[in-house]
Amino acid sequence: MAELGGKFGKTSERRASTMNGGMMLLALLLLIVGVVWFAVSGGLIDREPEGPIIFALAIVVIVLIAGGFYSLQPNEGAAVTLFGNYKGTDRTPGLRWVLPWYARKKISLRV
């Protein structure tokens, strides 16, 4: 009888290292408010050399944070991969967040 997993060895499921999306959503909203306040209060004009650089970096961070959100329904999971390499499975329902360069593929957990 062949070994489970064939010639490539045994396989096992790992838990993905993801975060609660609510906390990251709060951080994203605070960052957006901070960027708007910085722009409205004259930070772009008063700080001539570094003002636009700070503003551009903050916009890049906002885009990166926003790109990591996903949601899972009950009886649904997400396989998290990085450049095709399996990093783990997330089974926690609700709003979730993972680093934006990780790919997430939703999978059904129904039997």
PDB file of N, CA and C in Angstrom:
ATOM      1  N   MET A   1       0.843  -1.183   0.000  1.00  0.00           N
ATOM      2  CA  MET A   1       0.000   0.000   0.000  1.00  0.00           C
ATOM      3  C   MET A   1       0.886   1.243   0.000  1.00  0.00           C
ATOM      4  N   ALA A   2       0.537   2.219  -0.814  1.00  0.00           N
ATOM      5  CA  ALA A   2       1.338   3.439  -0.941  1.00  0.00           C
ATOM      6  C   ALA A   2       1.126   4.335   0.274  1.00  0.00           C
ATOM      7  N   GLU A   3       2.177   5.041   0.591  1.00  0.00           N
ATOM      8  CA  GLU A   3       2.107   5.977   1.709  1.00  0.00           C
ATOM      9  C   GLU A   3       1.172   7.135   1.364  1.00  0.00           C
ATOM     10  N   LEU A   4       0.461   7.621   2.348  1.00  0.00           N
ATOM     11  CA  LEU A   4      -0.432   8.753   2.158  1.00  0.00           C
ATOM     12  C   LEU A   4       0.366   9.954   1.667  1.00  0.00           C
ATOM     13  N   GLY A   5      -0.042  10.538   0.552  1.00  0.00           N
ATOM     14  CA  GLY A   5       0.657  11.681   0.005  1.00  0.00           C
ATOM     15  C   GLY A   5       1.559  11.309  -1.155  1.00  0.00           C
ATOM     16  N   GLY A   6       1.745  10.015  -1.424  1.00  0.00           N
ATOM     17  CA  GLY A   6       2.541   9.588  -2.567  1.00  0.00           C
ATOM     18  C   GLY A   6       4.011   9.914  -2.392  1.00  0.00           C
ATOM     19  N   LYS A   7       4.697  10.104  -3.509  1.00  0.00           N
ATOM     20  CA  LYS A   7       6.141  10.325  -3.472  1.00  0.00           C
ATOM     21  C   LYS A   7       6.533  11.709  -2.958  1.00  0.00           C
ATOM     22  N   PHE A   8       5.579  12.604  -2.818  1.00  0.00           N
ATOM     23  CA  PHE A   8       5.870  13.961  -2.361  1.00  0.00           C
ATOM     24  C   PHE A   8       5.756  14.101  -0.845  1.00  0.00           C
ATOM     25  N   GLY A   9       5.423  13.058  -0.158  1.00  0.00           N
ATOM     26  CA  GLY A   9       5.337  13.116   1.298  1.00  0.00           C
ATOM     27  C   GLY A   9       3.928  13.445   1.770  1.00  0.00           C
ATOM     28  N   LYS A  10       3.793  13.474   3.077  1.00  0.00           N
ATOM     29  CA  LYS A  10       2.489  13.752   3.680  1.00  0.00           C
ATOM     30  C   LYS A  10       2.165  15.241   3.563  1.00  0.00           C
ATOM     31  N   THR A  11       0.882  15.528   3.487  1.00  0.00           N
ATOM     32  CA  THR A  11       0.429  16.911   3.457  1.00  0.00           C
ATOM     33  C   THR A  11      -0.363  17.198   4.720  1.00  0.00           C
ATOM     34  N   SER A  12      -0.326  18.437   5.137  1.00  0.00           N
ATOM     35  CA  SER A  12      -1.093  18.819   6.319  1.00  0.00           C
ATOM     36  C   SER A  12      -1.560  20.257   6.155  1.00  0.00           C
ATOM     37  N   GLU A  13      -2.661  20.538   6.836  1.00  0.00           N
ATOM     38  CA  GLU A  13      -3.216  21.884   6.802  1.00  0.00           C
ATOM     39  C   GLU A  13      -2.584  22.705   7.907  1.00  0.00           C
ATOM     40  N   ARG A  14      -2.216  23.934   7.578  1.00  0.00           N
ATOM     41  CA  ARG A  14      -1.666  24.868   8.560  1.00  0.00           C
ATOM     42  C   ARG A  14      -2.633  26.025   8.736  1.00  0.00           C
ATOM     43  N   ARG A  15      -2.572  26.626   9.895  1.00  0.00           N
ATOM     44  CA  ARG A  15      -3.394  27.798  10.158  1.00  0.00           C
ATOM     45  C   ARG A  15      -2.671  29.036   9.617  1.00  0.00           C
ATOM     46  N   ALA A  16      -3.381  29.827   8.829  1.00  0.00           N
ATOM     47  CA  ALA A  16      -2.792  31.040   8.250  1.00  0.00           C
ATOM     48  C   ALA A  16      -2.676  32.125   9.310  1.00  0.00           C
ATOM     49  N   SER A  17      -1.649  32.941   9.188  1.00  0.00           N
ATOM     50  CA  SER A  17      -1.468  34.044  10.139  1.00  0.00           C
ATOM     51  C   SER A  17      -2.168  35.279   9.575  1.00  0.00           C
ATOM     52  N   THR A  18      -3.443  35.407   9.916  1.00  0.00           N
ATOM     53  CA  THR A  18      -4.255  36.532   9.483  1.00  0.00           C
ATOM     54  C   THR A  18      -4.680  37.338  10.702  1.00  0.00           C
ATOM     55  N   MET A  19      -5.254  38.500  10.450  1.00  0.00           N
ATOM     56  CA  MET A  19      -5.668  39.382  11.540  1.00  0.00           C
ATOM     57  C   MET A  19      -7.156  39.678  11.460  1.00  0.00           C
ATOM     58  N   ASN A  20      -7.684  40.158  12.564  1.00  0.00           N
ATOM     59  CA  ASN A  20      -9.063  40.614  12.608  1.00  0.00           C
ATOM     60  C   ASN A  20      -9.194  41.842  11.716  1.00  0.00           C
ATOM     61  N   GLY A  21     -10.125  41.811  10.792  1.00  0.00           N
ATOM     62  CA  GLY A  21     -10.298  42.914   9.867  1.00  0.00           C
ATOM     63  C   GLY A  21     -10.832  44.175  10.529  1.00  0.00           C
ATOM     64  N   GLY A  22     -11.537  44.045  11.634  1.00  0.00           N
ATOM     65  CA  GLY A  22     -12.079  45.210  12.330  1.00  0.00           C
ATOM     66  C   GLY A  22     -10.987  46.126  12.855  1.00  0.00           C
ATOM     67  N   MET A  23      -9.931  45.540  13.397  1.00  0.00           N
ATOM     68  CA  MET A  23      -8.823  46.346  13.909  1.00  0.00           C
ATOM     69  C   MET A  23      -8.103  47.064  12.772  1.00  0.00           C
ATOM     70  N   MET A  24      -7.900  46.371  11.667  1.00  0.00           N
ATOM     71  CA  MET A  24      -7.224  46.996  10.531  1.00  0.00           C
ATOM     72  C   MET A  24      -8.117  48.039   9.865  1.00  0.00           C
ATOM     73  N   LEU A  25      -9.430  47.811   9.882  1.00  0.00           N
ATOM     74  CA  LEU A  25     -10.356  48.807   9.340  1.00  0.00           C
ATOM     75  C   LEU A  25     -10.297  50.085  10.172  1.00  0.00           C
ATOM     76  N   LEU A  26     -10.228  49.939  11.480  1.00  0.00           N
ATOM     77  CA  LEU A  26     -10.086  51.100  12.360  1.00  0.00           C
ATOM     78  C   LEU A  26      -8.774  51.833  12.081  1.00  0.00           C
ATOM     79  N   ALA A  27      -7.685  51.087  11.930  1.00  0.00           N
ATOM     80  CA  ALA A  27      -6.391  51.705  11.614  1.00  0.00           C
ATOM     81  C   ALA A  27      -6.441  52.421  10.267  1.00  0.00           C
ATOM     82  N   LEU A  28      -7.111  51.816   9.282  1.00  0.00           N
ATOM     83  CA  LEU A  28      -7.236  52.436   7.969  1.00  0.00           C
ATOM     84  C   LEU A  28      -8.029  53.740   8.048  1.00  0.00           C
ATOM     85  N   LEU A  29      -9.132  53.726   8.775  1.00  0.00           N
ATOM     86  CA  LEU A  29      -9.944  54.939   8.909  1.00  0.00           C
ATOM     87  C   LEU A  29      -9.183  56.047   9.628  1.00  0.00           C
ATOM     88  N   LEU A  30      -8.429  55.701  10.678  1.00  0.00           N
ATOM     89  CA  LEU A  30      -7.623  56.703  11.384  1.00  0.00           C
ATOM     90  C   LEU A  30      -6.544  57.274  10.470  1.00  0.00           C
ATOM     91  N   LEU A  31      -5.947  56.430   9.651  1.00  0.00           N
ATOM     92  CA  LEU A  31      -4.924  56.907   8.721  1.00  0.00           C
ATOM     93  C   LEU A  31      -5.524  57.831   7.667  1.00  0.00           C
ATOM     94  N   ILE A  32      -6.703  57.489   7.172  1.00  0.00           N
ATOM     95  CA  ILE A  32      -7.371  58.348   6.189  1.00  0.00           C
ATOM     96  C   ILE A  32      -7.707  59.702   6.804  1.00  0.00           C
ATOM     97  N   VAL A  33      -8.233  59.692   8.034  1.00  0.00           N
ATOM     98  CA  VAL A  33      -8.541  60.954   8.719  1.00  0.00           C
ATOM     99  C   VAL A  33      -7.264  61.766   8.923  1.00  0.00           C
ATOM    100  N   GLY A  34      -6.173  61.107   9.289  1.00  0.00           N
ATOM    101  CA  GLY A  34      -4.901  61.803   9.480  1.00  0.00           C
ATOM    102  C   GLY A  34      -4.378  62.421   8.191  1.00  0.00           C
ATOM    103  N   VAL A  35      -4.516  61.710   7.081  1.00  0.00           N
ATOM    104  CA  VAL A  35      -4.051  62.235   5.795  1.00  0.00           C
ATOM    105  C   VAL A  35      -4.902  63.423   5.366  1.00  0.00           C
ATOM    106  N   VAL A  36      -6.212  63.315   5.548  1.00  0.00           N
ATOM    107  CA  VAL A  36      -7.091  64.434   5.195  1.00  0.00           C
ATOM    108  C   VAL A  36      -6.778  65.643   6.073  1.00  0.00           C
ATOM    109  N   TRP A  37      -6.587  65.424   7.373  1.00  0.00           N
ATOM    110  CA  TRP A  37      -6.246  66.526   8.267  1.00  0.00           C
ATOM    111  C   TRP A  37      -4.912  67.162   7.875  1.00  0.00           C
ATOM    112  N   PHE A  38      -3.921  66.331   7.504  1.00  0.00           N
ATOM    113  CA  PHE A  38      -2.611  66.828   7.084  1.00  0.00           C
ATOM    114  C   PHE A  38      -2.737  67.705   5.845  1.00  0.00           C
ATOM    115  N   ALA A  39      -3.563  67.268   4.891  1.00  0.00           N
ATOM    116  CA  ALA A  39      -3.730  68.038   3.651  1.00  0.00           C
ATOM    117  C   ALA A  39      -4.497  69.330   3.896  1.00  0.00           C
ATOM    118  N   VAL A  40      -5.551  69.274   4.719  1.00  0.00           N
ATOM    119  CA  VAL A  40      -6.393  70.452   4.955  1.00  0.00           C
ATOM    120  C   VAL A  40      -5.690  71.477   5.843  1.00  0.00           C
ATOM    121  N   SER A  41      -4.899  71.013   6.794  1.00  0.00           N
ATOM    122  CA  SER A  41      -4.253  71.946   7.725  1.00  0.00           C
ATOM    123  C   SER A  41      -3.037  72.648   7.124  1.00  0.00           C
ATOM    124  N   GLY A  42      -2.717  72.349   5.904  1.00  0.00           N
ATOM    125  CA  GLY A  42      -1.613  73.036   5.245  1.00  0.00           C
ATOM    126  C   GLY A  42      -0.296  72.306   5.313  1.00  0.00           C
ATOM    127  N   GLY A  43      -0.303  71.046   5.691  1.00  0.00           N
ATOM    128  CA  GLY A  43       0.936  70.277   5.776  1.00  0.00           C
ATOM    129  C   GLY A  43       1.618  70.103   4.436  1.00  0.00           C
ATOM    130  N   LEU A  44       0.824  70.084   3.379  1.00  0.00           N
ATOM    131  CA  LEU A  44       1.406  69.956   2.049  1.00  0.00           C
ATOM    132  C   LEU A  44       2.119  71.231   1.622  1.00  0.00           C
ATOM    133  N   ILE A  45       1.607  72.366   2.059  1.00  0.00           N
ATOM    134  CA  ILE A  45       2.167  73.652   1.625  1.00  0.00           C
ATOM    135  C   ILE A  45       3.246  74.137   2.598  1.00  0.00           C
ATOM    136  N   ASP A  46       2.986  74.013   3.906  1.00  0.00           N
ATOM    137  CA  ASP A  46       3.918  74.523   4.908  1.00  0.00           C
ATOM    138  C   ASP A  46       5.241  73.763   4.908  1.00  0.00           C
ATOM    139  N   ARG A  47       5.180  72.482   4.710  1.00  0.00           N
ATOM    140  CA  ARG A  47       6.390  71.656   4.698  1.00  0.00           C
ATOM    141  C   ARG A  47       6.773  71.404   3.244  1.00  0.00           C
ATOM    142  N   GLU A  48       7.352  72.360   2.644  1.00  0.00           N
ATOM    143  CA  GLU A  48       7.599  72.313   1.201  1.00  0.00           C
ATOM    144  C   GLU A  48       8.394  71.090   0.744  1.00  0.00           C
ATOM    145  N   PRO A  49       9.575  70.793   1.284  1.00  0.00           N
ATOM    146  CA  PRO A  49      10.296  69.661   0.700  1.00  0.00           C
ATOM    147  C   PRO A  49       9.729  68.301   1.084  1.00  0.00           C
ATOM    148  N   GLU A  50       9.311  68.128   2.343  1.00  0.00           N
ATOM    149  CA  GLU A  50       8.885  66.786   2.752  1.00  0.00           C
ATOM    150  C   GLU A  50       7.372  66.598   2.788  1.00  0.00           C
ATOM    151  N   GLY A  51       6.583  67.640   2.679  1.00  0.00           N
ATOM    152  CA  GLY A  51       5.123  67.528   2.725  1.00  0.00           C
ATOM    153  C   GLY A  51       4.548  66.624   1.656  1.00  0.00           C
ATOM    154  N   PRO A  52       4.862  66.839   0.385  1.00  0.00           N
ATOM    155  CA  PRO A  52       4.333  65.948  -0.652  1.00  0.00           C
ATOM    156  C   PRO A  52       4.838  64.513  -0.543  1.00  0.00           C
ATOM    157  N   ILE A  53       6.063  64.336  -0.034  1.00  0.00           N
ATOM    158  CA  ILE A  53       6.598  62.982   0.129  1.00  0.00           C
ATOM    159  C   ILE A  53       5.837  62.236   1.214  1.00  0.00           C
ATOM    160  N   ILE A  54       5.575  62.900   2.325  1.00  0.00           N
ATOM    161  CA  ILE A  54       4.796  62.291   3.411  1.00  0.00           C
ATOM    162  C   ILE A  54       3.398  61.943   2.917  1.00  0.00           C
ATOM    163  N   PHE A  55       2.791  62.850   2.182  1.00  0.00           N
ATOM    164  CA  PHE A  55       1.444  62.622   1.655  1.00  0.00           C
ATOM    165  C   PHE A  55       1.432  61.422   0.704  1.00  0.00           C
ATOM    166  N   ALA A  56       2.397  61.338  -0.189  1.00  0.00           N
ATOM    167  CA  ALA A  56       2.452  60.225  -1.146  1.00  0.00           C
ATOM    168  C   ALA A  56       2.691  58.896  -0.442  1.00  0.00           C
ATOM    169  N   LEU A  57       3.564  58.862   0.547  1.00  0.00           N
ATOM    170  CA  LEU A  57       3.809  57.629   1.298  1.00  0.00           C
ATOM    171  C   LEU A  57       2.564  57.189   2.068  1.00  0.00           C
ATOM    172  N   ALA A  58       1.843  58.146   2.628  1.00  0.00           N
ATOM    173  CA  ALA A  58       0.614  57.809   3.346  1.00  0.00           C
ATOM    174  C   ALA A  58      -0.433  57.228   2.399  1.00  0.00           C
ATOM    175  N   ILE A  59      -0.530  57.758   1.188  1.00  0.00           N
ATOM    176  CA  ILE A  59      -1.476  57.228   0.207  1.00  0.00           C
ATOM    177  C   ILE A  59      -1.090  55.800  -0.182  1.00  0.00           C
ATOM    178  N   VAL A  60       0.204  55.543  -0.358  1.00  0.00           N
ATOM    179  CA  VAL A  60       0.667  54.181  -0.676  1.00  0.00           C
ATOM    180  C   VAL A  60       0.321  53.223   0.459  1.00  0.00           C
ATOM    181  N   VAL A  61       0.512  53.643   1.701  1.00  0.00           N
ATOM    182  CA  VAL A  61       0.176  52.790   2.857  1.00  0.00           C
ATOM    183  C   VAL A  61      -1.324  52.527   2.905  1.00  0.00           C
ATOM    184  N   ILE A  62      -2.134  53.538   2.610  1.00  0.00           N
ATOM    185  CA  ILE A  62      -3.594  53.353   2.588  1.00  0.00           C
ATOM    186  C   ILE A  62      -3.982  52.318   1.545  1.00  0.00           C
ATOM    187  N   VAL A  63      -3.394  52.402   0.362  1.00  0.00           N
ATOM    188  CA  VAL A  63      -3.708  51.444  -0.699  1.00  0.00           C
ATOM    189  C   VAL A  63      -3.275  50.036  -0.299  1.00  0.00           C
ATOM    190  N   LEU A  64      -2.102  49.901   0.321  1.00  0.00           N
ATOM    191  CA  LEU A  64      -1.637  48.578   0.749  1.00  0.00           C
ATOM    192  C   LEU A  64      -2.534  47.983   1.832  1.00  0.00           C
ATOM    193  N   ILE A  65      -2.928  48.792   2.801  1.00  0.00           N
ATOM    194  CA  ILE A  65      -3.808  48.285   3.857  1.00  0.00           C
ATOM    195  C   ILE A  65      -5.158  47.885   3.279  1.00  0.00           C
ATOM    196  N   ALA A  66      -5.701  48.712   2.392  1.00  0.00           N
ATOM    197  CA  ALA A  66      -7.017  48.415   1.813  1.00  0.00           C
ATOM    198  C   ALA A  66      -6.983  47.156   0.951  1.00  0.00           C
ATOM    199  N   GLY A  67      -5.841  46.825   0.386  1.00  0.00           N
ATOM    200  CA  GLY A  67      -5.737  45.650  -0.472  1.00  0.00           C
ATOM    201  C   GLY A  67      -5.708  44.325   0.274  1.00  0.00           C
ATOM    202  N   GLY A  68      -5.612  44.351   1.583  1.00  0.00           N
ATOM    203  CA  GLY A  68      -5.521  43.117   2.351  1.00  0.00           C
ATOM    204  C   GLY A  68      -6.821  42.621   2.950  1.00  0.00           C
ATOM    205  N   PHE A  69      -7.930  43.320   2.727  1.00  0.00           N
ATOM    206  CA  PHE A  69      -9.210  42.920   3.324  1.00  0.00           C
ATOM    207  C   PHE A  69      -9.887  41.823   2.516  1.00  0.00           C
ATOM    208  N   TYR A  70     -10.535  40.914   3.219  1.00  0.00           N
ATOM    209  CA  TYR A  70     -11.421  39.924   2.610  1.00  0.00           C
ATOM    210  C   TYR A  70     -12.388  39.450   3.686  1.00  0.00           C
ATOM    211  N   SER A  71     -13.474  38.829   3.258  1.00  0.00           N
ATOM    212  CA  SER A  71     -14.453  38.348   4.234  1.00  0.00           C
ATOM    213  C   SER A  71     -14.755  36.884   3.977  1.00  0.00           C
ATOM    214  N   LEU A  72     -15.074  36.192   5.051  1.00  0.00           N
ATOM    215  CA  LEU A  72     -15.434  34.783   4.970  1.00  0.00           C
ATOM    216  C   LEU A  72     -16.798  34.573   5.610  1.00  0.00           C
ATOM    217  N   GLN A  73     -17.602  33.777   4.963  1.00  0.00           N
ATOM    218  CA  GLN A  73     -18.906  33.392   5.485  1.00  0.00           C
ATOM    219  C   GLN A  73     -18.745  32.120   6.320  1.00  0.00           C
ATOM    220  N   PRO A  74     -19.746  31.764   7.137  1.00  0.00           N
ATOM    221  CA  PRO A  74     -19.682  30.470   7.828  1.00  0.00           C
ATOM    222  C   PRO A  74     -19.579  29.340   6.808  1.00  0.00           C
ATOM    223  N   ASN A  75     -18.875  28.278   7.150  1.00  0.00           N
ATOM    224  CA  ASN A  75     -18.610  27.133   6.272  1.00  0.00           C
ATOM    225  C   ASN A  75     -17.822  27.535   5.027  1.00  0.00           C
ATOM    226  N   GLU A  76     -16.958  28.514   5.177  1.00  0.00           N
ATOM    227  CA  GLU A  76     -16.104  28.941   4.086  1.00  0.00           C
ATOM    228  C   GLU A  76     -14.702  29.161   4.651  1.00  0.00           C
ATOM    229  N   GLY A  77     -13.703  28.901   3.858  1.00  0.00           N
ATOM    230  CA  GLY A  77     -12.324  29.110   4.263  1.00  0.00           C
ATOM    231  C   GLY A  77     -11.574  29.821   3.155  1.00  0.00           C
ATOM    232  N   ALA A  78     -10.335  30.173   3.437  1.00  0.00           N
ATOM    233  CA  ALA A  78      -9.495  30.814   2.432  1.00  0.00           C
ATOM    234  C   ALA A  78      -8.113  30.183   2.496  1.00  0.00           C
ATOM    235  N   ALA A  79      -7.656  29.694   1.354  1.00  0.00           N
ATOM    236  CA  ALA A  79      -6.290  29.197   1.246  1.00  0.00           C
ATOM    237  C   ALA A  79      -5.395  30.395   0.940  1.00  0.00           C
ATOM    238  N   VAL A  80      -4.410  30.631   1.790  1.00  0.00           N
ATOM    239  CA  VAL A  80      -3.521  31.774   1.655  1.00  0.00           C
ATOM    240  C   VAL A  80      -2.210  31.286   1.033  1.00  0.00           C
ATOM    241  N   THR A  81      -1.829  31.923  -0.089  1.00  0.00           N
ATOM    242  CA  THR A  81      -0.607  31.533  -0.780  1.00  0.00           C
ATOM    243  C   THR A  81       0.264  32.755  -1.045  1.00  0.00           C
ATOM    244  N   LEU A  82       1.548  32.509  -1.207  1.00  0.00           N
ATOM    245  CA  LEU A  82       2.507  33.540  -1.577  1.00  0.00           C
ATOM    246  C   LEU A  82       3.291  33.008  -2.765  1.00  0.00           C
ATOM    247  N   PHE A  83       3.079  33.598  -3.928  1.00  0.00           N
ATOM    248  CA  PHE A  83       3.702  33.166  -5.173  1.00  0.00           C
ATOM    249  C   PHE A  83       3.474  31.673  -5.436  1.00  0.00           C
ATOM    250  N   GLY A  84       2.272  31.192  -5.117  1.00  0.00           N
ATOM    251  CA  GLY A  84       1.910  29.803  -5.350  1.00  0.00           C
ATOM    252  C   GLY A  84       2.280  28.851  -4.236  1.00  0.00           C
ATOM    253  N   ASN A  85       3.033  29.285  -3.248  1.00  0.00           N
ATOM    254  CA  ASN A  85       3.397  28.432  -2.113  1.00  0.00           C
ATOM    255  C   ASN A  85       2.350  28.560  -1.023  1.00  0.00           C
ATOM    256  N   TYR A  86       1.836  27.423  -0.578  1.00  0.00           N
ATOM    257  CA  TYR A  86       0.806  27.389   0.452  1.00  0.00           C
ATOM    258  C   TYR A  86       1.366  27.908   1.771  1.00  0.00           C
ATOM    259  N   LYS A  87       0.676  28.897   2.362  1.00  0.00           N
ATOM    260  CA  LYS A  87       1.084  29.466   3.646  1.00  0.00           C
ATOM    261  C   LYS A  87       0.133  29.113   4.775  1.00  0.00           C
ATOM    262  N   GLY A  88      -1.100  28.728   4.455  1.00  0.00           N
ATOM    263  CA  GLY A  88      -2.038  28.351   5.495  1.00  0.00           C
ATOM    264  C   GLY A  88      -3.475  28.518   5.054  1.00  0.00           C
ATOM    265  N   THR A  89      -4.376  28.086   5.911  1.00  0.00           N
ATOM    266  CA  THR A  89      -5.809  28.180   5.653  1.00  0.00           C
ATOM    267  C   THR A  89      -6.451  28.979   6.779  1.00  0.00           C
ATOM    268  N   ASP A  90      -7.309  29.909   6.404  1.00  0.00           N
ATOM    269  CA  ASP A  90      -8.047  30.707   7.380  1.00  0.00           C
ATOM    270  C   ASP A  90      -9.495  30.245   7.351  1.00  0.00           C
ATOM    271  N   ARG A  91     -10.021  29.849   8.505  1.00  0.00           N
ATOM    272  CA  ARG A  91     -11.402  29.381   8.605  1.00  0.00           C
ATOM    273  C   ARG A  91     -12.277  30.289   9.460  1.00  0.00           C
ATOM    274  N   THR A  92     -11.753  31.401   9.933  1.00  0.00           N
ATOM    275  CA  THR A  92     -12.493  32.290  10.822  1.00  0.00           C
ATOM    276  C   THR A  92     -13.451  33.154  10.010  1.00  0.00           C
ATOM    277  N   PRO A  93     -14.771  33.032  10.256  1.00  0.00           N
ATOM    278  CA  PRO A  93     -15.715  33.859   9.485  1.00  0.00           C
ATOM    279  C   PRO A  93     -15.670  35.322   9.908  1.00  0.00           C
ATOM    280  N   GLY A  94     -16.050  36.183   8.994  1.00  0.00           N
ATOM    281  CA  GLY A  94     -16.095  37.609   9.263  1.00  0.00           C
ATOM    282  C   GLY A  94     -15.102  38.365   8.409  1.00  0.00           C
ATOM    283  N   LEU A  95     -14.903  39.636   8.770  1.00  0.00           N
ATOM    284  CA  LEU A  95     -13.952  40.477   8.057  1.00  0.00           C
ATOM    285  C   LEU A  95     -12.548  40.128   8.521  1.00  0.00           C
ATOM    286  N   ARG A  96     -11.665  39.808   7.583  1.00  0.00           N
ATOM    287  CA  ARG A  96     -10.308  39.390   7.886  1.00  0.00           C
ATOM    288  C   ARG A  96      -9.326  40.268   7.126  1.00  0.00           C
ATOM    289  N   TRP A  97      -8.057  40.266   7.557  1.00  0.00           N
ATOM    290  CA  TRP A  97      -7.020  41.019   6.870  1.00  0.00           C
ATOM    291  C   TRP A  97      -5.740  40.210   6.859  1.00  0.00           C
ATOM    292  N   VAL A  98      -5.063  40.248   5.728  1.00  0.00           N
ATOM    293  CA  VAL A  98      -3.765  39.596   5.571  1.00  0.00           C
ATOM    294  C   VAL A  98      -2.899  40.521   4.726  1.00  0.00           C
ATOM    295  N   LEU A  99      -1.604  40.377   4.803  1.00  0.00           N
ATOM    296  CA  LEU A  99      -0.715  41.213   4.001  1.00  0.00           C
ATOM    297  C   LEU A  99      -1.159  41.179   2.539  1.00  0.00           C
ATOM    298  N   PRO A 100      -1.189  42.327   1.869  1.00  0.00           N
ATOM    299  CA  PRO A 100      -1.808  42.389   0.542  1.00  0.00           C
ATOM    300  C   PRO A 100      -1.096  41.583  -0.533  1.00  0.00           C
ATOM    301  N   TRP A 101       0.153  41.205  -0.349  1.00  0.00           N
ATOM    302  CA  TRP A 101       0.825  40.432  -1.391  1.00  0.00           C
ATOM    303  C   TRP A 101       0.535  38.941  -1.282  1.00  0.00           C
ATOM    304  N   TYR A 102      -0.189  38.510  -0.253  1.00  0.00           N
ATOM    305  CA  TYR A 102      -0.652  37.128  -0.166  1.00  0.00           C
ATOM    306  C   TYR A 102      -1.921  36.976  -0.997  1.00  0.00           C
ATOM    307  N   ALA A 103      -1.995  35.903  -1.779  1.00  0.00           N
ATOM    308  CA  ALA A 103      -3.208  35.612  -2.551  1.00  0.00           C
ATOM    309  C   ALA A 103      -4.155  34.808  -1.652  1.00  0.00           C
ATOM    310  N   ARG A 104      -5.447  35.072  -1.804  1.00  0.00           N
ATOM    311  CA  ARG A 104      -6.464  34.386  -1.027  1.00  0.00           C
ATOM    312  C   ARG A 104      -7.457  33.721  -1.968  1.00  0.00           C
ATOM    313  N   LYS A 105      -7.641  32.421  -1.814  1.00  0.00           N
ATOM    314  CA  LYS A 105      -8.589  31.678  -2.646  1.00  0.00           C
ATOM    315  C   LYS A 105      -9.638  31.090  -1.717  1.00  0.00           C
ATOM    316  N   LYS A 106     -10.877  31.549  -1.899  1.00  0.00           N
ATOM    317  CA  LYS A 106     -11.955  31.062  -1.046  1.00  0.00           C
ATOM    318  C   LYS A 106     -12.322  29.627  -1.426  1.00  0.00           C
ATOM    319  N   ILE A 107     -12.584  28.816  -0.390  1.00  0.00           N
ATOM    320  CA  ILE A 107     -12.959  27.426  -0.583  1.00  0.00           C
ATOM    321  C   ILE A 107     -14.157  27.100   0.305  1.00  0.00           C
ATOM    322  N   SER A 108     -15.016  26.242  -0.182  1.00  0.00           N
ATOM    323  CA  SER A 108     -16.188  25.821   0.595  1.00  0.00           C
ATOM    324  C   SER A 108     -15.789  24.713   1.539  1.00  0.00           C
ATOM    325  N   LEU A 109     -16.298  24.746   2.772  1.00  0.00           N
ATOM    326  CA  LEU A 109     -15.994  23.723   3.774  1.00  0.00           C
ATOM    327  C   LEU A 109     -17.181  22.787   3.984  1.00  0.00           C
ATOM    328  N   ARG A 110     -18.192  22.902   3.144  1.00  0.00           N
ATOM    329  CA  ARG A 110     -19.355  22.019   3.284  1.00  0.00           C
ATOM    330  C   ARG A 110     -18.983  20.600   2.896  1.00  0.00           C
ATOM    331  N   VAL A 111     -19.542  19.652   3.593  1.00  0.00           N
ATOM    332  CA  VAL A 111     -19.242  18.244   3.305  1.00  0.00           C
ATOM    333  C   VAL A 111     -20.146  17.748   2.205  1.00  0.00           C
TER     334      VAL A 111
END
